[in-house]
Amino acid sequence: MRPGTALGERIADWYAAGHRDLPWRRPGFTPWGTLVSEFMLQQTPVARVIPALERWLSRWPTPADLAKVPPGEAVRAWERLGYPRRALALHTAATMIAERHGNDVPADVDSLLALPGVGPYTARAVAAFAYGIRTPVVDTNVRRVLARAVRGQGEAGPAGTATDLTEMEALLPVDPARARLVNAGTMELGQTVCTARSPRCAECPLVESCAWRAAGYPAYEGPRTAVQKRYAGSDRQVRGLVLRELRASHTSVPAAVIAGLWSDAEQLTRAVDGLLRDGLVKRDGEELRLP
């Protein structure tokens, strides 16, 4: 057995022994539900995603159901999950699935990558978790576990897709069912035990073989991922205020109402212009509405 596979088997056993009850990890959860969950989970905490996902799938249980409504309804239903361009991309992806794939979410990674809003992580997550395909799944939490357990680094540093996938591939057993447990387990390990700020090493299934622990937990001195600017006072906050106003109305909103949402007129104009470019809002004369 390869050394990496031995690590993977320990993770699989740990995960199989007990883990959080997440809807998208339950047996029989639909591929469409898995795809929607992965869109929502991009930069949004699990606790906020679960109720939003349940509402979404109750309203649009298949891609065709979502494709039938205007894209603005997807933006409205996205509510405050953040980064609402994901809602537009998901609506477009649903339309493509309904029209080109017979309303079935494709199983192969290349077809998934051809959908808007689907990157290397999301494509492999759907293939692995919805269809049981043996393929490495790498997100931020997985990268942190790999950095610590395999490379002996306290942080993963900037993403490198090819390197990350190769490292994760080395952990996967040949059996697809076991590989699925390793993928899910490594994500769970990074989310709940091998956390960024307060890792609980005593509870980790890799505690005896972790390269970072063996090295004495050295401080990370490599390149770092850029830190996102604070939300308060940012253009993102202003965009959110505009979208919240438009979501609350089923008709176009007058310019005077929009102007009253933020005191800095220049920043407000910049935010609105960005929303227009992104296709998140439409202009009706001097009024704004969802697409």
C-alpha atoms as a PDB file:
ATOM      1  CA  MET A   1       0.000   0.000   0.000  1.00  0.00           C
ATOM      2  CA  ARG A   2       1.311   3.462  -0.901  1.00  0.00           C
ATOM      3  CA  PRO A   3       2.065   5.739   2.085  1.00  0.00           C
ATOM      4  CA  GLY A   4      -0.506   8.248   0.880  1.00  0.00           C
ATOM      5  CA  THR A   5      -3.164   5.571   0.553  1.00  0.00           C
ATOM      6  CA  ALA A   6      -2.516   4.515   4.148  1.00  0.00           C
ATOM      7  CA  LEU A   7      -3.303   8.080   5.235  1.00  0.00           C
ATOM      8  CA  GLY A   8      -6.426   8.005   3.110  1.00  0.00           C
ATOM      9  CA  GLU A   9      -7.614   4.739   4.638  1.00  0.00           C
ATOM     10  CA  ARG A  10      -7.286   6.186   8.129  1.00  0.00           C
ATOM     11  CA  ILE A  11      -9.343   9.197   7.065  1.00  0.00           C
ATOM     12  CA  ALA A  12     -11.977   6.919   5.495  1.00  0.00           C
ATOM     13  CA  ASP A  13     -12.268   4.836   8.682  1.00  0.00           C
ATOM     14  CA  TRP A  14     -12.536   7.984  10.804  1.00  0.00           C
ATOM     15  CA  TYR A  15     -15.251   9.458   8.577  1.00  0.00           C
ATOM     16  CA  ALA A  16     -17.207   6.194   8.354  1.00  0.00           C
ATOM     17  CA  ALA A  17     -17.254   5.938  12.154  1.00  0.00           C
ATOM     18  CA  GLY A  18     -19.310   9.131  12.480  1.00  0.00           C
ATOM     19  CA  HIS A  19     -19.663  12.547  10.859  1.00  0.00           C
ATOM     20  CA  ARG A  20     -22.012  15.506  10.589  1.00  0.00           C
ATOM     21  CA  ASP A  21     -25.408  14.772   9.068  1.00  0.00           C
ATOM     22  CA  LEU A  22     -25.218  16.975   5.989  1.00  0.00           C
ATOM     23  CA  PRO A  23     -28.074  16.692   3.454  1.00  0.00           C
ATOM     24  CA  TRP A  24     -25.732  16.486   0.448  1.00  0.00           C
ATOM     25  CA  ARG A  25     -23.872  13.522   1.966  1.00  0.00           C
ATOM     26  CA  ARG A  26     -26.969  11.409   2.604  1.00  0.00           C
ATOM     27  CA  PRO A  27     -27.595   8.302   0.460  1.00  0.00           C
ATOM     28  CA  GLY A  28     -30.002   9.011  -2.382  1.00  0.00           C
ATOM     29  CA  PHE A  29     -29.465  12.774  -2.444  1.00  0.00           C
ATOM     30  CA  THR A  30     -29.962  13.806  -6.072  1.00  0.00           C
ATOM     31  CA  PRO A  31     -27.133  14.928  -8.373  1.00  0.00           C
ATOM     32  CA  TRP A  32     -29.048  18.186  -8.939  1.00  0.00           C
ATOM     33  CA  GLY A  33     -29.231  18.725  -5.193  1.00  0.00           C
ATOM     34  CA  THR A  34     -25.507  18.035  -4.937  1.00  0.00           C
ATOM     35  CA  LEU A  35     -24.752  20.567  -7.673  1.00  0.00           C
ATOM     36  CA  VAL A  36     -26.935  23.224  -6.042  1.00  0.00           C
ATOM     37  CA  SER A  37     -25.333  22.593  -2.658  1.00  0.00           C
ATOM     38  CA  GLU A  38     -21.841  22.983  -4.099  1.00  0.00           C
ATOM     39  CA  PHE A  39     -22.790  26.297  -5.713  1.00  0.00           C
ATOM     40  CA  MET A  40     -24.184  27.528  -2.400  1.00  0.00           C
ATOM     41  CA  LEU A  41     -21.240  26.295  -0.345  1.00  0.00           C
ATOM     42  CA  GLN A  42     -18.770  28.409  -2.312  1.00  0.00           C
ATOM     43  CA  GLN A  43     -17.725  30.962   0.339  1.00  0.00           C
ATOM     44  CA  THR A  44     -20.883  30.466   2.442  1.00  0.00           C
ATOM     45  CA  PRO A  45     -20.979  28.633   5.813  1.00  0.00           C
ATOM     46  CA  VAL A  46     -22.757  25.279   6.039  1.00  0.00           C
ATOM     47  CA  ALA A  47     -25.269  26.496   8.635  1.00  0.00           C
ATOM     48  CA  ARG A  48     -26.580  29.162   6.249  1.00  0.00           C
ATOM     49  CA  VAL A  49     -26.651  26.848   3.257  1.00  0.00           C
ATOM     50  CA  ILE A  50     -28.800  24.034   4.703  1.00  0.00           C
ATOM     51  CA  PRO A  51     -32.116  25.955   5.050  1.00  0.00           C
ATOM     52  CA  ALA A  52     -31.541  27.821   1.769  1.00  0.00           C
ATOM     53  CA  LEU A  53     -30.865  24.543  -0.035  1.00  0.00           C
ATOM     54  CA  GLU A  54     -34.052  22.979   1.332  1.00  0.00           C
ATOM     55  CA  ARG A  55     -36.138  25.933   0.148  1.00  0.00           C
ATOM     56  CA  TRP A  56     -34.450  25.945  -3.259  1.00  0.00           C
ATOM     57  CA  LEU A  57     -34.969  22.223  -3.936  1.00  0.00           C
ATOM     58  CA  SER A  58     -38.553  22.385  -2.716  1.00  0.00           C
ATOM     59  CA  ARG A  59     -39.265  25.120  -5.262  1.00  0.00           C
ATOM     60  CA  TRP A  60     -37.062  23.816  -8.092  1.00  0.00           C
ATOM     61  CA  PRO A  61     -36.546  20.059  -7.653  1.00  0.00           C
ATOM     62  CA  THR A  62     -35.008  19.633 -11.118  1.00  0.00           C
ATOM     63  CA  PRO A  63     -32.865  21.800 -13.428  1.00  0.00           C
ATOM     64  CA  ALA A  64     -35.808  22.239 -15.818  1.00  0.00           C
ATOM     65  CA  ASP A  65     -37.932  23.688 -13.025  1.00  0.00           C
ATOM     66  CA  LEU A  66     -35.359  26.416 -12.432  1.00  0.00           C
ATOM     67  CA  ALA A  67     -34.795  26.993 -16.151  1.00  0.00           C
ATOM     68  CA  LYS A  68     -38.492  27.816 -16.621  1.00  0.00           C
ATOM     69  CA  VAL A  69     -38.362  30.949 -14.466  1.00  0.00           C
ATOM     70  CA  PRO A  70     -36.566  34.235 -15.243  1.00  0.00           C
ATOM     71  CA  PRO A  71     -32.991  34.437 -13.919  1.00  0.00           C
ATOM     72  CA  GLY A  72     -34.080  37.240 -11.603  1.00  0.00           C
ATOM     73  CA  GLU A  73     -36.095  34.698  -9.601  1.00  0.00           C
ATOM     74  CA  ALA A  74     -32.906  32.766  -8.921  1.00  0.00           C
ATOM     75  CA  VAL A  75     -31.260  35.984  -7.720  1.00  0.00           C
ATOM     76  CA  ARG A  76     -34.291  36.721  -5.533  1.00  0.00           C
ATOM     77  CA  ALA A  77     -34.276  33.232  -4.012  1.00  0.00           C
ATOM     78  CA  TRP A  78     -30.539  33.464  -3.357  1.00  0.00           C
ATOM     79  CA  GLU A  79     -31.436  35.979  -0.670  1.00  0.00           C
ATOM     80  CA  ARG A  80     -28.346  36.761   1.440  1.00  0.00           C
ATOM     81  CA  LEU A  81     -26.079  33.822   0.654  1.00  0.00           C
ATOM     82  CA  GLY A  82     -23.568  36.273  -0.815  1.00  0.00           C
ATOM     83  CA  TYR A  83     -21.825  36.465  -4.190  1.00  0.00           C
ATOM     84  CA  PRO A  84     -25.147  36.444  -6.112  1.00  0.00           C
ATOM     85  CA  ARG A  85     -23.452  35.910  -9.462  1.00  0.00           C
ATOM     86  CA  ARG A  86     -23.520  32.275  -8.379  1.00  0.00           C
ATOM     87  CA  ALA A  87     -27.314  32.371  -8.697  1.00  0.00           C
ATOM     88  CA  LEU A  88     -27.135  33.601 -12.287  1.00  0.00           C
ATOM     89  CA  ALA A  89     -24.533  30.988 -13.158  1.00  0.00           C
ATOM     90  CA  LEU A  90     -26.635  28.256 -11.571  1.00  0.00           C
ATOM     91  CA  HIS A  91     -29.688  29.374 -13.552  1.00  0.00           C
ATOM     92  CA  THR A  92     -27.681  29.238 -16.797  1.00  0.00           C
ATOM     93  CA  ALA A  93     -26.237  25.848 -15.830  1.00  0.00           C
ATOM     94  CA  ALA A  94     -29.758  24.545 -15.138  1.00  0.00           C
ATOM     95  CA  THR A  95     -30.878  25.720 -18.581  1.00  0.00           C
ATOM     96  CA  MET A  96     -27.948  23.941 -20.242  1.00  0.00           C
ATOM     97  CA  ILE A  97     -28.608  20.740 -18.278  1.00  0.00           C
ATOM     98  CA  ALA A  98     -32.288  20.791 -19.224  1.00  0.00           C
ATOM     99  CA  GLU A  99     -31.623  21.492 -22.904  1.00  0.00           C
ATOM    100  CA  ARG A 100     -28.421  19.525 -23.573  1.00  0.00           C
ATOM    101  CA  HIS A 101     -28.400  16.732 -21.010  1.00  0.00           C
ATOM    102  CA  GLY A 102     -32.030  15.641 -20.848  1.00  0.00           C
ATOM    103  CA  ASN A 103     -32.521  17.327 -17.460  1.00  0.00           C
ATOM    104  CA  ASP A 104     -29.881  15.051 -15.884  1.00  0.00           C
ATOM    105  CA  VAL A 105     -26.776  16.559 -14.289  1.00  0.00           C
ATOM    106  CA  PRO A 106     -23.825  15.084 -16.228  1.00  0.00           C
ATOM    107  CA  ALA A 107     -21.552  12.655 -14.413  1.00  0.00           C
ATOM    108  CA  ASP A 108     -18.221  13.142 -16.141  1.00  0.00           C
ATOM    109  CA  VAL A 109     -15.854  15.885 -15.042  1.00  0.00           C
ATOM    110  CA  ASP A 110     -15.336  17.422 -18.497  1.00  0.00           C
ATOM    111  CA  SER A 111     -19.081  17.850 -19.113  1.00  0.00           C
ATOM    112  CA  LEU A 112     -19.485  19.365 -15.663  1.00  0.00           C
ATOM    113  CA  LEU A 113     -16.612  21.776 -16.288  1.00  0.00           C
ATOM    114  CA  ALA A 114     -18.442  22.995 -19.400  1.00  0.00           C
ATOM    115  CA  LEU A 115     -21.271  24.322 -17.226  1.00  0.00           C
ATOM    116  CA  PRO A 116     -21.089  27.993 -16.157  1.00  0.00           C
ATOM    117  CA  GLY A 117     -19.975  28.537 -12.586  1.00  0.00           C
ATOM    118  CA  VAL A 118     -18.468  25.047 -12.330  1.00  0.00           C
ATOM    119  CA  GLY A 119     -14.726  24.921 -11.647  1.00  0.00           C
ATOM    120  CA  PRO A 120     -12.331  22.050 -10.916  1.00  0.00           C
ATOM    121  CA  TYR A 121     -13.536  21.616  -7.333  1.00  0.00           C
ATOM    122  CA  THR A 122     -17.277  21.683  -8.057  1.00  0.00           C
ATOM    123  CA  ALA A 123     -16.999  19.367 -11.062  1.00  0.00           C
ATOM    124  CA  ARG A 124     -15.100  16.746  -9.098  1.00  0.00           C
ATOM    125  CA  ALA A 125     -17.309  17.117  -6.043  1.00  0.00           C
ATOM    126  CA  VAL A 126     -20.419  16.349  -8.098  1.00  0.00           C
ATOM    127  CA  ALA A 127     -18.717  13.457  -9.910  1.00  0.00           C
ATOM    128  CA  ALA A 128     -17.430  11.971  -6.657  1.00  0.00           C
ATOM    129  CA  PHE A 129     -20.344  12.551  -4.285  1.00  0.00           C
ATOM    130  CA  ALA A 130     -23.331  12.301  -6.644  1.00  0.00           C
ATOM    131  CA  TYR A 131     -22.038   9.546  -8.926  1.00  0.00           C
ATOM    132  CA  GLY A 132     -19.363   7.763  -6.911  1.00  0.00           C
ATOM    133  CA  ILE A 133     -16.627   8.382  -9.470  1.00  0.00           C
ATOM    134  CA  ARG A 134     -13.086   8.001  -8.181  1.00  0.00           C
ATOM    135  CA  THR A 135     -11.590  11.465  -8.616  1.00  0.00           C
ATOM    136  CA  PRO A 136      -9.719  13.767  -6.204  1.00  0.00           C
ATOM    137  CA  VAL A 137     -11.810  16.558  -4.668  1.00  0.00           C
ATOM    138  CA  VAL A 138      -9.847  19.534  -3.336  1.00  0.00           C
ATOM    139  CA  ASP A 139     -11.196  22.571  -1.495  1.00  0.00           C
ATOM    140  CA  THR A 140      -9.624  24.967   1.022  1.00  0.00           C
ATOM    141  CA  ASN A 141     -10.077  22.541   3.897  1.00  0.00           C
ATOM    142  CA  VAL A 142      -8.556  19.643   1.968  1.00  0.00           C
ATOM    143  CA  ARG A 143      -5.584  21.776   0.975  1.00  0.00           C
ATOM    144  CA  ARG A 144      -4.916  22.618   4.626  1.00  0.00           C
ATOM    145  CA  VAL A 145      -4.993  18.938   5.649  1.00  0.00           C
ATOM    146  CA  LEU A 146      -2.643  18.032   2.791  1.00  0.00           C
ATOM    147  CA  ALA A 147      -0.275  20.874   3.630  1.00  0.00           C
ATOM    148  CA  ARG A 148      -0.005  19.832   7.259  1.00  0.00           C
ATOM    149  CA  ALA A 149      -0.196  16.053   7.116  1.00  0.00           C
ATOM    150  CA  VAL A 150       1.810  15.506   3.922  1.00  0.00           C
ATOM    151  CA  ARG A 151       4.103  18.532   3.500  1.00  0.00           C
ATOM    152  CA  GLY A 152       4.599  19.581   7.106  1.00  0.00           C
ATOM    153  CA  GLN A 153       3.414  23.163   6.511  1.00  0.00           C
ATOM    154  CA  GLY A 154       1.089  25.030   8.835  1.00  0.00           C
ATOM    155  CA  GLU A 155      -0.759  26.638   5.909  1.00  0.00           C
ATOM    156  CA  ALA A 156      -1.440  25.594   2.343  1.00  0.00           C
ATOM    157  CA  GLY A 157      -0.496  28.902   0.704  1.00  0.00           C
ATOM    158  CA  PRO A 158      -1.860  29.936  -2.707  1.00  0.00           C
ATOM    159  CA  ALA A 159      -3.747  27.262  -4.638  1.00  0.00           C
ATOM    160  CA  GLY A 160      -2.015  25.183  -7.281  1.00  0.00           C
ATOM    161  CA  THR A 161      -4.675  23.033  -8.932  1.00  0.00           C
ATOM    162  CA  ALA A 162      -2.386  20.456 -10.570  1.00  0.00           C
ATOM    163  CA  THR A 163      -0.259  19.967  -7.447  1.00  0.00           C
ATOM    164  CA  ASP A 164      -3.283  19.844  -5.153  1.00  0.00           C
ATOM    165  CA  LEU A 165      -5.045  17.237  -7.295  1.00  0.00           C
ATOM    166  CA  THR A 166      -1.901  15.090  -7.498  1.00  0.00           C
ATOM    167  CA  GLU A 167      -1.469  15.153  -3.719  1.00  0.00           C
ATOM    168  CA  MET A 168      -5.101  14.243  -3.112  1.00  0.00           C
ATOM    169  CA  GLU A 169      -5.024  11.537  -5.763  1.00  0.00           C
ATOM    170  CA  ALA A 170      -2.208   9.862  -3.819  1.00  0.00           C
ATOM    171  CA  LEU A 171      -4.532   9.477  -0.809  1.00  0.00           C
ATOM    172  CA  LEU A 172      -7.362   7.776  -2.700  1.00  0.00           C
ATOM    173  CA  PRO A 173      -7.792   3.993  -2.505  1.00  0.00           C
ATOM    174  CA  VAL A 174      -8.503   2.157  -5.745  1.00  0.00           C
ATOM    175  CA  ASP A 175     -12.035   1.266  -4.674  1.00  0.00           C
ATOM    176  CA  PRO A 176     -14.397   4.145  -5.665  1.00  0.00           C
ATOM    177  CA  ALA A 177     -16.566   3.741  -2.565  1.00  0.00           C
ATOM    178  CA  ARG A 178     -13.538   4.042  -0.274  1.00  0.00           C
ATOM    179  CA  ALA A 179     -12.202   6.929  -2.366  1.00  0.00           C
ATOM    180  CA  ARG A 180     -15.517   8.737  -1.830  1.00  0.00           C
ATOM    181  CA  LEU A 181     -15.108   8.327   1.931  1.00  0.00           C
ATOM    182  CA  VAL A 182     -11.576   9.743   1.723  1.00  0.00           C
ATOM    183  CA  ASN A 183     -12.753  12.781  -0.249  1.00  0.00           C
ATOM    184  CA  ALA A 184     -15.638  13.483   2.120  1.00  0.00           C
ATOM    185  CA  GLY A 185     -13.566  12.634   5.185  1.00  0.00           C
ATOM    186  CA  THR A 186     -10.664  14.911   4.289  1.00  0.00           C
ATOM    187  CA  MET A 187     -13.054  17.818   3.800  1.00  0.00           C
ATOM    188  CA  GLU A 188     -14.759  17.027   7.108  1.00  0.00           C
ATOM    189  CA  LEU A 189     -11.398  16.734   8.858  1.00  0.00           C
ATOM    190  CA  GLY A 190     -10.353  20.188   7.651  1.00  0.00           C
ATOM    191  CA  GLN A 191     -13.706  21.733   8.558  1.00  0.00           C
ATOM    192  CA  THR A 192     -14.057  20.294  12.055  1.00  0.00           C
ATOM    193  CA  VAL A 193     -10.653  19.157  13.402  1.00  0.00           C
ATOM    194  CA  CYS A 194      -7.714  20.426  11.350  1.00  0.00           C
ATOM    195  CA  THR A 195      -9.075  23.962  11.406  1.00  0.00           C
ATOM    196  CA  ALA A 196      -7.128  27.037  10.363  1.00  0.00           C
ATOM    197  CA  ARG A 197      -6.778  28.720  13.763  1.00  0.00           C
ATOM    198  CA  SER A 198      -7.347  26.095  16.446  1.00  0.00           C
ATOM    199  CA  PRO A 199      -6.571  22.575  15.192  1.00  0.00           C
ATOM    200  CA  ARG A 200      -7.595  19.833  17.628  1.00  0.00           C
ATOM    201  CA  CYS A 201      -4.656  17.539  16.936  1.00  0.00           C
ATOM    202  CA  ALA A 202      -5.460  15.108  19.756  1.00  0.00           C
ATOM    203  CA  GLU A 203      -8.708  14.205  17.957  1.00  0.00           C
ATOM    204  CA  CYS A 204      -7.141  13.795  14.516  1.00  0.00           C
ATOM    205  CA  PRO A 205      -6.924  10.325  12.935  1.00  0.00           C
ATOM    206  CA  LEU A 206      -3.579  11.373  11.415  1.00  0.00           C
ATOM    207  CA  VAL A 207      -2.015  12.526  14.687  1.00  0.00           C
ATOM    208  CA  GLU A 208       0.673   9.817  14.635  1.00  0.00           C
ATOM    209  CA  SER A 209       1.695  10.445  11.021  1.00  0.00           C
ATOM    210  CA  CYS A 210       1.180  14.190  10.551  1.00  0.00           C
ATOM    211  CA  ALA A 211       4.331  15.736   9.087  1.00  0.00           C
ATOM    212  CA  TRP A 212       3.578  19.145  10.616  1.00  0.00           C
ATOM    213  CA  ARG A 213       3.239  17.689  14.111  1.00  0.00           C
ATOM    214  CA  ALA A 214       6.386  15.586  13.665  1.00  0.00           C
ATOM    215  CA  ALA A 215       8.315  18.731  12.692  1.00  0.00           C
ATOM    216  CA  GLY A 216       7.207  20.541  15.853  1.00  0.00           C
ATOM    217  CA  TYR A 217       4.500  22.712  14.277  1.00  0.00           C
ATOM    218  CA  PRO A 218       6.837  25.139  12.469  1.00  0.00           C
ATOM    219  CA  ALA A 219       5.437  28.557  11.588  1.00  0.00           C
ATOM    220  CA  TYR A 220       4.464  28.967   7.952  1.00  0.00           C
ATOM    221  CA  GLU A 221       6.816  31.301   6.072  1.00  0.00           C
ATOM    222  CA  GLY A 222       5.744  30.762   2.465  1.00  0.00           C
ATOM    223  CA  PRO A 223       3.544  32.872   0.156  1.00  0.00           C
ATOM    224  CA  ARG A 224       0.050  33.647   1.374  1.00  0.00           C
ATOM    225  CA  THR A 225      -3.307  33.994  -0.283  1.00  0.00           C
ATOM    226  CA  ALA A 226      -4.479  37.618  -0.505  1.00  0.00           C
ATOM    227  CA  VAL A 227      -6.761  38.607   2.366  1.00  0.00           C
ATOM    228  CA  GLN A 228     -10.208  39.785   1.310  1.00  0.00           C
ATOM    229  CA  LYS A 229     -11.026  43.415   2.114  1.00  0.00           C
ATOM    230  CA  ARG A 230     -13.485  44.033   4.933  1.00  0.00           C
ATOM    231  CA  TYR A 231     -17.167  44.004   4.016  1.00  0.00           C
ATOM    232  CA  ALA A 232     -18.340  47.059   5.982  1.00  0.00           C
ATOM    233  CA  GLY A 233     -18.276  50.130   3.763  1.00  0.00           C
ATOM    234  CA  SER A 234     -17.150  48.173   0.695  1.00  0.00           C
ATOM    235  CA  ASP A 235     -18.697  48.131  -2.767  1.00  0.00           C
ATOM    236  CA  ARG A 236     -19.870  44.601  -1.921  1.00  0.00           C
ATOM    237  CA  GLN A 237     -21.972  46.007   0.895  1.00  0.00           C
ATOM    238  CA  VAL A 238     -23.502  48.636  -1.394  1.00  0.00           C
ATOM    239  CA  ARG A 239     -24.232  46.028  -4.068  1.00  0.00           C
ATOM    240  CA  GLY A 240     -25.940  43.950  -1.401  1.00  0.00           C
ATOM    241  CA  LEU A 241     -28.122  46.863  -0.324  1.00  0.00           C
ATOM    242  CA  VAL A 242     -29.254  47.483  -3.896  1.00  0.00           C
ATOM    243  CA  LEU A 243     -30.028  43.806  -4.493  1.00  0.00           C
ATOM    244  CA  ARG A 244     -31.925  43.558  -1.210  1.00  0.00           C
ATOM    245  CA  GLU A 245     -34.151  46.450  -2.298  1.00  0.00           C
ATOM    246  CA  LEU A 246     -34.776  44.858  -5.690  1.00  0.00           C
ATOM    247  CA  ARG A 247     -35.500  41.431  -4.190  1.00  0.00           C
ATOM    248  CA  ALA A 248     -38.180  42.967  -1.996  1.00  0.00           C
ATOM    249  CA  SER A 249     -40.009  44.411  -5.024  1.00  0.00           C
ATOM    250  CA  HIS A 250     -41.704  42.581  -7.887  1.00  0.00           C
ATOM    251  CA  THR A 251     -41.720  45.767  -9.964  1.00  0.00           C
ATOM    252  CA  SER A 252     -38.982  48.158 -11.035  1.00  0.00           C
ATOM    253  CA  VAL A 253     -37.569  50.360  -8.265  1.00  0.00           C
ATOM    254  CA  PRO A 254     -37.380  54.136  -8.896  1.00  0.00           C
ATOM    255  CA  ALA A 255     -33.988  55.836  -9.054  1.00  0.00           C
ATOM    256  CA  ALA A 256     -34.909  58.030  -6.091  1.00  0.00           C
ATOM    257  CA  VAL A 257     -35.335  54.956  -3.893  1.00  0.00           C
ATOM    258  CA  ILE A 258     -31.977  53.552  -5.026  1.00  0.00           C
ATOM    259  CA  ALA A 259     -30.305  56.919  -4.391  1.00  0.00           C
ATOM    260  CA  GLY A 260     -31.480  56.823  -0.787  1.00  0.00           C
ATOM    261  CA  LEU A 261     -29.783  53.522  -0.045  1.00  0.00           C
ATOM    262  CA  TRP A 262     -26.254  54.896   0.369  1.00  0.00           C
ATOM    263  CA  SER A 263     -24.889  58.355   1.148  1.00  0.00           C
ATOM    264  CA  ASP A 264     -21.827  58.174  -1.133  1.00  0.00           C
ATOM    265  CA  ALA A 265     -23.341  58.783  -4.575  1.00  0.00           C
ATOM    266  CA  GLU A 266     -20.124  57.964  -6.420  1.00  0.00           C
ATOM    267  CA  GLN A 267     -19.742  54.608  -4.687  1.00  0.00           C
ATOM    268  CA  LEU A 268     -23.421  53.830  -5.207  1.00  0.00           C
ATOM    269  CA  THR A 269     -23.102  54.536  -8.937  1.00  0.00           C
ATOM    270  CA  ARG A 270     -20.022  52.326  -9.118  1.00  0.00           C
ATOM    271  CA  ALA A 271     -21.869  49.498  -7.360  1.00  0.00           C
ATOM    272  CA  VAL A 272     -24.908  49.791  -9.632  1.00  0.00           C
ATOM    273  CA  ASP A 273     -22.718  49.873 -12.739  1.00  0.00           C
ATOM    274  CA  GLY A 274     -21.033  46.674 -11.534  1.00  0.00           C
ATOM    275  CA  LEU A 275     -24.384  44.973 -10.988  1.00  0.00           C
ATOM    276  CA  LEU A 276     -25.469  45.978 -14.486  1.00  0.00           C
ATOM    277  CA  ARG A 277     -22.247  44.601 -16.021  1.00  0.00           C
ATOM    278  CA  ASP A 278     -22.694  41.342 -14.126  1.00  0.00           C
ATOM    279  CA  GLY A 279     -26.260  40.974 -15.376  1.00  0.00           C
ATOM    280  CA  LEU A 280     -27.644  40.973 -11.834  1.00  0.00           C
ATOM    281  CA  VAL A 281     -29.899  43.974 -12.463  1.00  0.00           C
ATOM    282  CA  LYS A 282     -31.603  45.525 -15.479  1.00  0.00           C
ATOM    283  CA  ARG A 283     -32.427  49.154 -16.148  1.00  0.00           C
ATOM    284  CA  ASP A 284     -35.930  50.261 -17.161  1.00  0.00           C
ATOM    285  CA  GLY A 285     -35.433  53.929 -18.022  1.00  0.00           C
ATOM    286  CA  GLU A 286     -34.403  55.452 -14.692  1.00  0.00           C
ATOM    287  CA  GLU A 287     -35.597  52.446 -12.707  1.00  0.00           C
ATOM    288  CA  LEU A 288     -33.866  49.184 -11.779  1.00  0.00           C
ATOM    289  CA  ARG A 289     -35.193  45.622 -11.560  1.00  0.00           C
ATOM    290  CA  LEU A 290     -33.983  42.056 -11.321  1.00  0.00           C
ATOM    291  CA  PRO A 291     -33.336  40.347 -14.691  1.00  0.00           C
END
